[in-house]
C-alpha atoms as a PDB file:
ATOM      1  CA  MET A   1       1.088 -10.409  19.564  1.00  0.00           C
ATOM      2  CA  ALA A   2       4.322 -12.225  18.729  1.00  0.00           C
ATOM      3  CA  THR A   3       2.428 -15.511  18.489  1.00  0.00           C
ATOM      4  CA  ASP A   4      -0.175 -13.902  16.236  1.00  0.00           C
ATOM      5  CA  GLN A   5       2.508 -12.454  14.007  1.00  0.00           C
ATOM      6  CA  GLU A   6       4.282 -15.778  13.667  1.00  0.00           C
ATOM      7  CA  PHE A   7       0.977 -17.310  12.594  1.00  0.00           C
ATOM      8  CA  PHE A   8       0.298 -14.558  10.075  1.00  0.00           C
ATOM      9  CA  LEU A   9       3.829 -14.643   8.669  1.00  0.00           C
ATOM     10  CA  GLY A  10       3.692 -18.396   8.201  1.00  0.00           C
ATOM     11  CA  LEU A  11       0.309 -18.165   6.528  1.00  0.00           C
ATOM     12  CA  ALA A  12       1.299 -15.286   4.263  1.00  0.00           C
ATOM     13  CA  ALA A  13       4.392 -17.180   3.121  1.00  0.00           C
ATOM     14  CA  LYS A  14       2.082 -19.867   1.699  1.00  0.00           C
ATOM     15  CA  GLY A  15       0.607 -17.397  -0.763  1.00  0.00           C
ATOM     16  CA  LYS A  16      -2.625 -15.698  -1.713  1.00  0.00           C
ATOM     17  CA  ASP A  17      -4.868 -18.736  -2.109  1.00  0.00           C
ATOM     18  CA  THR A  18      -4.032 -20.225   1.288  1.00  0.00           C
ATOM     19  CA  TRP A  19      -4.293 -16.840   2.967  1.00  0.00           C
ATOM     20  CA  ASN A  20      -7.648 -15.930   1.446  1.00  0.00           C
ATOM     21  CA  LYS A  21      -9.118 -19.325   2.243  1.00  0.00           C
ATOM     22  CA  TRP A  22      -8.229 -18.772   5.892  1.00  0.00           C
ATOM     23  CA  ARG A  23      -9.423 -15.156   5.841  1.00  0.00           C
ATOM     24  CA  ARG A  24     -12.867 -16.082   4.522  1.00  0.00           C
ATOM     25  CA  ALA A  25     -13.254 -18.721   7.213  1.00  0.00           C
ATOM     26  CA  ASP A  26     -12.100 -16.421  10.034  1.00  0.00           C
ATOM     27  CA  ILE A  27     -13.309 -12.947   9.140  1.00  0.00           C
ATOM     28  CA  ASP A  28     -13.195 -11.458  12.640  1.00  0.00           C
ATOM     29  CA  ARG A  29      -9.548 -11.998  13.537  1.00  0.00           C
ATOM     30  CA  ARG A  30      -7.469  -8.853  13.196  1.00  0.00           C
ATOM     31  CA  VAL A  31      -4.341  -9.161  11.108  1.00  0.00           C
ATOM     32  CA  THR A  32      -1.181  -7.610  12.510  1.00  0.00           C
ATOM     33  CA  PHE A  33       2.271  -7.368  11.012  1.00  0.00           C
ATOM     34  CA  ALA A  34       3.100  -4.264  13.061  1.00  0.00           C
ATOM     35  CA  GLY A  35       6.817  -3.559  13.203  1.00  0.00           C
ATOM     36  CA  ILE A  36       7.834  -6.492  10.989  1.00  0.00           C
ATOM     37  CA  ASP A  37      10.994  -6.081   8.908  1.00  0.00           C
ATOM     38  CA  PHE A  38      10.289  -7.456   5.424  1.00  0.00           C
ATOM     39  CA  SER A  39      13.661  -6.355   4.104  1.00  0.00           C
ATOM     40  CA  GLU A  40      15.538  -9.580   4.888  1.00  0.00           C
ATOM     41  CA  ALA A  41      15.070 -13.216   3.896  1.00  0.00           C
ATOM     42  CA  PRO A  42      12.874 -15.142   4.268  1.00  0.00           C
ATOM     43  CA  ARG A  43      10.297 -12.419   4.957  1.00  0.00           C
ATOM     44  CA  ASP A  44      11.348 -10.486   1.858  1.00  0.00           C
ATOM     45  CA  GLN A  45       9.820 -13.305  -0.219  1.00  0.00           C
ATOM     46  CA  ILE A  46       6.233 -12.487   0.820  1.00  0.00           C
ATOM     47  CA  ASP A  47       4.110 -11.194  -2.038  1.00  0.00           C
ATOM     48  CA  PHE A  48       0.902  -9.591  -0.707  1.00  0.00           C
ATOM     49  CA  SER A  49      -0.769  -9.142  -4.089  1.00  0.00           C
ATOM     50  CA  GLY A  50      -4.414 -10.232  -4.112  1.00  0.00           C
ATOM     51  CA  PHE A  51      -4.564 -10.763  -0.352  1.00  0.00           C
ATOM     52  CA  GLU A  52      -7.806 -10.088   1.512  1.00  0.00           C
ATOM     53  CA  PHE A  53      -6.989  -8.487   4.848  1.00  0.00           C
ATOM     54  CA  GLY A  54     -10.284  -7.487   6.423  1.00  0.00           C
ATOM     55  CA  ASP A  55     -10.709  -4.642   8.914  1.00  0.00           C
ATOM     56  CA  HIS A  56      -7.917  -3.200  11.061  1.00  0.00           C
ATOM     57  CA  ALA A  57      -4.984  -4.747   9.184  1.00  0.00           C
ATOM     58  CA  ASP A  58      -1.893  -3.381  10.891  1.00  0.00           C
ATOM     59  CA  PHE A  59       1.334  -2.794   8.979  1.00  0.00           C
ATOM     60  CA  SER A  60       2.454   0.154  11.111  1.00  0.00           C
ATOM     61  CA  LYS A  61       6.222   0.636  11.329  1.00  0.00           C
ATOM     62  CA  CYS A  62       6.882  -2.201   8.871  1.00  0.00           C
ATOM     63  CA  ARG A  63       9.920  -1.984   6.642  1.00  0.00           C
ATOM     64  CA  TRP A  64      10.701  -3.081   3.076  1.00  0.00           C
ATOM     65  CA  ARG A  65      14.030  -2.498   1.372  1.00  0.00           C
ATOM     66  CA  GLY A  66      12.441  -1.940  -2.058  1.00  0.00           C
ATOM     67  CA  ILE A  67      14.014  -2.779  -5.394  1.00  0.00           C
ATOM     68  CA  LYS A  68      15.951  -0.991  -8.092  1.00  0.00           C
ATOM     69  CA  LEU A  69      14.784  -0.951 -11.688  1.00  0.00           C
ATOM     70  CA  GLU A  70      17.469  -3.420 -12.737  1.00  0.00           C
ATOM     71  CA  GLU A  71      16.044  -5.906 -10.205  1.00  0.00           C
ATOM     72  CA  ALA A  72      12.625  -5.880 -11.891  1.00  0.00           C
ATOM     73  CA  VAL A  73      11.561  -8.783 -14.077  1.00  0.00           C
ATOM     74  CA  GLN A  74      13.162  -8.394 -17.475  1.00  0.00           C
ATOM     75  CA  VAL A  75      10.930  -8.607 -20.533  1.00  0.00           C
ATOM     76  CA  ALA A  76      11.499  -7.947 -24.187  1.00  0.00           C
ATOM     77  CA  GLY A  77      12.349  -4.303 -24.605  1.00  0.00           C
ATOM     78  CA  GLY A  78      12.760  -3.445 -20.926  1.00  0.00           C
ATOM     79  CA  PHE A  79      11.530  -4.293 -17.442  1.00  0.00           C
ATOM     80  CA  ASN A  80       8.192  -5.385 -16.015  1.00  0.00           C
ATOM     81  CA  THR A  81       7.651  -3.113 -13.012  1.00  0.00           C
ATOM     82  CA  ASN A  82       4.276  -4.706 -12.243  1.00  0.00           C
ATOM     83  CA  ALA A  83       5.731  -8.003 -11.031  1.00  0.00           C
ATOM     84  CA  PHE A  84       6.811  -8.973  -7.536  1.00  0.00           C
ATOM     85  CA  ARG A  85      10.469  -9.228  -6.654  1.00  0.00           C
ATOM     86  CA  PRO A  86      11.938 -10.094  -3.229  1.00  0.00           C
ATOM     87  CA  GLY A  87      12.087  -7.097  -0.920  1.00  0.00           C
ATOM     88  CA  ARG A  88       9.386  -5.159  -2.717  1.00  0.00           C
ATOM     89  CA  ALA A  89       6.288  -3.932  -0.892  1.00  0.00           C
ATOM     90  CA  PHE A  90       3.807  -5.460  -3.309  1.00  0.00           C
ATOM     91  CA  PHE A  91       0.085  -5.111  -2.594  1.00  0.00           C
ATOM     92  CA  ARG A  92      -1.287  -5.125  -6.118  1.00  0.00           C
ATOM     93  CA  GLY A  93      -4.997  -5.964  -6.106  1.00  0.00           C
ATOM     94  CA  ALA A  94      -5.076  -6.424  -2.329  1.00  0.00           C
ATOM     95  CA  THR A  95      -8.312  -5.727  -0.473  1.00  0.00           C
ATOM     96  CA  PHE A  96      -8.435  -3.958   2.872  1.00  0.00           C
ATOM     97  CA  GLY A  97     -11.418  -3.289   5.088  1.00  0.00           C
ATOM     98  CA  ARG A  98     -11.734  -0.368   7.475  1.00  0.00           C
ATOM     99  CA  LYS A  99      -8.805   1.243   9.267  1.00  0.00           C
ATOM    100  CA  ALA A 100      -5.860  -0.279   7.461  1.00  0.00           C
ATOM    101  CA  ASN A 101      -2.808   1.033   9.286  1.00  0.00           C
ATOM    102  CA  PHE A 102       0.474   1.775   7.508  1.00  0.00           C
ATOM    103  CA  ASN A 103       1.497   4.587   9.835  1.00  0.00           C
ATOM    104  CA  ARG A 104       5.264   5.207   9.849  1.00  0.00           C
ATOM    105  CA  ALA A 105       5.916   2.283   7.523  1.00  0.00           C
ATOM    106  CA  SER A 106       9.024   2.481   5.323  1.00  0.00           C
ATOM    107  CA  PHE A 107       8.517   1.118   1.823  1.00  0.00           C
ATOM    108  CA  GLY A 108      11.681   1.563  -0.202  1.00  0.00           C
ATOM    109  CA  ASP A 109      11.572   2.035  -3.988  1.00  0.00           C
ATOM    110  CA  TRP A 110       8.827   0.729  -6.287  1.00  0.00           C
ATOM    111  CA  ALA A 111       6.224   0.005  -3.605  1.00  0.00           C
ATOM    112  CA  THR A 112       2.902  -0.724  -5.275  1.00  0.00           C
ATOM    113  CA  PHE A 113      -0.734  -0.633  -4.270  1.00  0.00           C
ATOM    114  CA  LEU A 114      -1.912  -0.713  -7.878  1.00  0.00           C
ATOM    115  CA  ASP A 115      -5.598  -1.740  -8.062  1.00  0.00           C
ATOM    116  CA  ALA A 116      -5.774  -2.214  -4.287  1.00  0.00           C
ATOM    117  CA  THR A 117      -9.017  -1.345  -2.485  1.00  0.00           C
ATOM    118  CA  PHE A 118      -9.332   0.242   0.945  1.00  0.00           C
ATOM    119  CA  GLY A 119     -12.294   0.811   3.221  1.00  0.00           C
ATOM    120  CA  GLN A 120     -12.649   4.008   5.215  1.00  0.00           C
ATOM    121  CA  ASP A 121      -9.968   5.426   7.503  1.00  0.00           C
ATOM    122  CA  ALA A 122      -6.909   4.010   5.768  1.00  0.00           C
ATOM    123  CA  CYS A 123      -3.897   5.565   7.492  1.00  0.00           C
ATOM    124  CA  PHE A 124      -0.468   6.239   6.036  1.00  0.00           C
ATOM    125  CA  ILE A 125       0.474   8.935   8.545  1.00  0.00           C
ATOM    126  CA  GLY A 126       4.214   9.550   8.504  1.00  0.00           C
ATOM    127  CA  ALA A 127       4.829   6.729   6.012  1.00  0.00           C
ATOM    128  CA  VAL A 128       8.027   6.983   3.981  1.00  0.00           C
ATOM    129  CA  PHE A 129       8.048   5.885   0.342  1.00  0.00           C
ATOM    130  CA  GLY A 130      11.104   5.652  -1.857  1.00  0.00           C
ATOM    131  CA  ASP A 131      11.104   6.402  -5.578  1.00  0.00           C
ATOM    132  CA  HIS A 132       8.322   5.356  -7.966  1.00  0.00           C
ATOM    133  CA  ALA A 133       5.655   4.457  -5.417  1.00  0.00           C
ATOM    134  CA  MET A 134       2.450   3.350  -7.148  1.00  0.00           C
ATOM    135  CA  LEU A 135      -0.683   4.218  -5.184  1.00  0.00           C
ATOM    136  CA  ASP A 136      -3.194   3.924  -8.015  1.00  0.00           C
ATOM    137  CA  ALA A 137      -5.787   2.487  -5.644  1.00  0.00           C
ATOM    138  CA  ALA A 138      -9.357   3.066  -4.467  1.00  0.00           C
ATOM    139  CA  PHE A 139      -9.586   4.614  -1.013  1.00  0.00           C
ATOM    140  CA  GLY A 140     -12.666   4.984   1.150  1.00  0.00           C
ATOM    141  CA  ILE A 141     -13.520   8.136   3.073  1.00  0.00           C
ATOM    142  CA  PHE A 142     -11.089   9.656   5.564  1.00  0.00           C
ATOM    143  CA  ALA A 143      -7.926   8.184   4.032  1.00  0.00           C
ATOM    144  CA  ASP A 144      -5.062   9.991   5.737  1.00  0.00           C
ATOM    145  CA  PHE A 145      -1.616  10.596   4.241  1.00  0.00           C
ATOM    146  CA  THR A 146      -0.647  13.382   6.639  1.00  0.00           C
ATOM    147  CA  SER A 147       3.137  13.886   6.653  1.00  0.00           C
ATOM    148  CA  ALA A 148       3.738  10.995   4.242  1.00  0.00           C
ATOM    149  CA  ALA A 149       7.003  11.447   2.346  1.00  0.00           C
ATOM    150  CA  PHE A 150       7.684  10.372  -1.235  1.00  0.00           C
ATOM    151  CA  GLY A 151      10.730  10.084  -3.447  1.00  0.00           C
ATOM    152  CA  LYS A 152      10.702  10.977  -7.118  1.00  0.00           C
ATOM    153  CA  GLY A 153       8.143   9.579  -9.541  1.00  0.00           C
ATOM    154  CA  ALA A 154       5.462   8.712  -6.983  1.00  0.00           C
ATOM    155  CA  SER A 155       2.029   8.284  -8.536  1.00  0.00           C
ATOM    156  CA  PHE A 156      -1.597   8.464  -7.465  1.00  0.00           C
ATOM    157  CA  TYR A 157      -2.605   8.611 -11.133  1.00  0.00           C
ATOM    158  CA  GLY A 158      -6.067   7.106 -11.418  1.00  0.00           C
ATOM    159  CA  ALA A 159      -6.545   6.822  -7.652  1.00  0.00           C
ATOM    160  CA  ALA A 160     -10.071   7.282  -6.292  1.00  0.00           C
ATOM    161  CA  PHE A 161     -10.728   8.820  -2.902  1.00  0.00           C
ATOM    162  CA  GLY A 162     -14.083   8.391  -1.198  1.00  0.00           C
ATOM    163  CA  LEU A 163     -16.620  11.078  -0.531  1.00  0.00           C
ATOM    164  CA  SER A 164     -19.062  11.376   2.288  1.00  0.00           C
ATOM    165  CA  PRO A 165     -22.625  10.663   1.137  1.00  0.00           C
ATOM    166  CA  SER A 166     -23.708  14.238   1.928  1.00  0.00           C
ATOM    167  CA  SER A 167     -20.699  16.071   0.522  1.00  0.00           C
ATOM    168  CA  THR A 168     -19.488  17.038  -2.929  1.00  0.00           C
ATOM    169  CA  LYS A 169     -15.939  17.524  -1.706  1.00  0.00           C
ATOM    170  CA  CYS A 170     -13.291  14.937  -1.103  1.00  0.00           C
ATOM    171  CA  ILE A 171     -12.939  14.466   2.637  1.00  0.00           C
ATOM    172  CA  SER A 172      -9.817  12.340   2.578  1.00  0.00           C
ATOM    173  CA  ARG A 173      -6.776  14.095   3.981  1.00  0.00           C
ATOM    174  CA  VAL A 174      -3.777  14.262   1.715  1.00  0.00           C
ATOM    175  CA  GLY A 175      -0.783  16.019   3.206  1.00  0.00           C
ATOM    176  CA  LEU A 176       2.089  14.852   1.038  1.00  0.00           C
ATOM    177  CA  HIS A 177       5.575  16.078   0.372  1.00  0.00           C
ATOM    178  CA  SER A 178       8.500  15.037  -1.738  1.00  0.00           C
ATOM    179  CA  PRO A 179      12.115  15.455  -0.636  1.00  0.00           C
ATOM    180  CA  GLU A 180      12.816  16.996  -4.036  1.00  0.00           C
ATOM    181  CA  ASN A 181      10.495  19.935  -3.511  1.00  0.00           C
ATOM    182  CA  PRO A 182       8.328  20.077  -0.385  1.00  0.00           C
ATOM    183  CA  ARG A 183       6.215  22.952  -1.736  1.00  0.00           C
ATOM    184  CA  THR A 184       5.335  21.566  -5.136  1.00  0.00           C
ATOM    185  CA  ASN A 185       5.466  17.849  -4.302  1.00  0.00           C
ATOM    186  CA  GLY A 186       8.375  17.335  -6.708  1.00  0.00           C
ATOM    187  CA  GLN A 187       7.431  14.764  -9.326  1.00  0.00           C
ATOM    188  CA  LEU A 188       4.470  13.462  -7.362  1.00  0.00           C
ATOM    189  CA  MET A 189       1.514  12.793  -9.651  1.00  0.00           C
ATOM    190  CA  LEU A 190      -1.781  13.135  -7.798  1.00  0.00           C
ATOM    191  CA  ARG A 191      -5.227  12.653  -9.224  1.00  0.00           C
ATOM    192  CA  VAL A 192      -8.094  12.668  -6.791  1.00  0.00           C
ATOM    193  CA  GLY A 193     -11.546  11.456  -7.787  1.00  0.00           C
ATOM    194  CA  TRP A 194     -14.885  10.386  -6.461  1.00  0.00           C
ATOM    195  CA  ILE A 195     -15.214   6.865  -5.228  1.00  0.00           C
ATOM    196  CA  ARG A 196     -15.571   4.647  -8.326  1.00  0.00           C
ATOM    197  CA  LYS A 197     -15.271   7.752 -10.465  1.00  0.00           C
ATOM    198  CA  LEU A 198     -12.142   9.463 -11.729  1.00  0.00           C
ATOM    199  CA  LEU A 199     -11.558  13.077 -12.617  1.00  0.00           C
ATOM    200  CA  ALA A 200      -9.697  13.913 -15.776  1.00  0.00           C
ATOM    201  CA  ARG A 201      -7.508  16.337 -13.841  1.00  0.00           C
END
């Protein structure tokens, strides 16, 4: 596994275009970054936005340090929180197949999966997010966030969770809590919808 991870880390460091070219030519190889610490250089420089991961991508027990707002890209009138900065778990627009595994990963502040797409059985069991996590993504059926923990300002606003073909109820499992208020989810914003459809509330 260590050899595989060295290969994947080296490839990821070359960026989205190089990664996706490889991925499309080798669709069967399972990607594993399990247990990797992305909080220190040079691994903190890897921007996963737009990556195509395929089935069984494994980020279990990975760690990112996150960023503070003042580390975000400065723009006129404030900060651009939709841009990558070193140390940030940044998966904007990434595509995952079945059984993506982020179990017990630690993301730090401002982790983003904005516009990411997951196949069925995405797992974030026991994952720990810092403040302002952005999970405005499309999840297939059986996505599992059991015991995931979130800091303040976490958002699933606009997220879509898959339904089984024969059911009118969401069958993804969402068991979330915020350290601020475990009963009410603190400032967590959650909007669950049909796959490719969103509910107003």
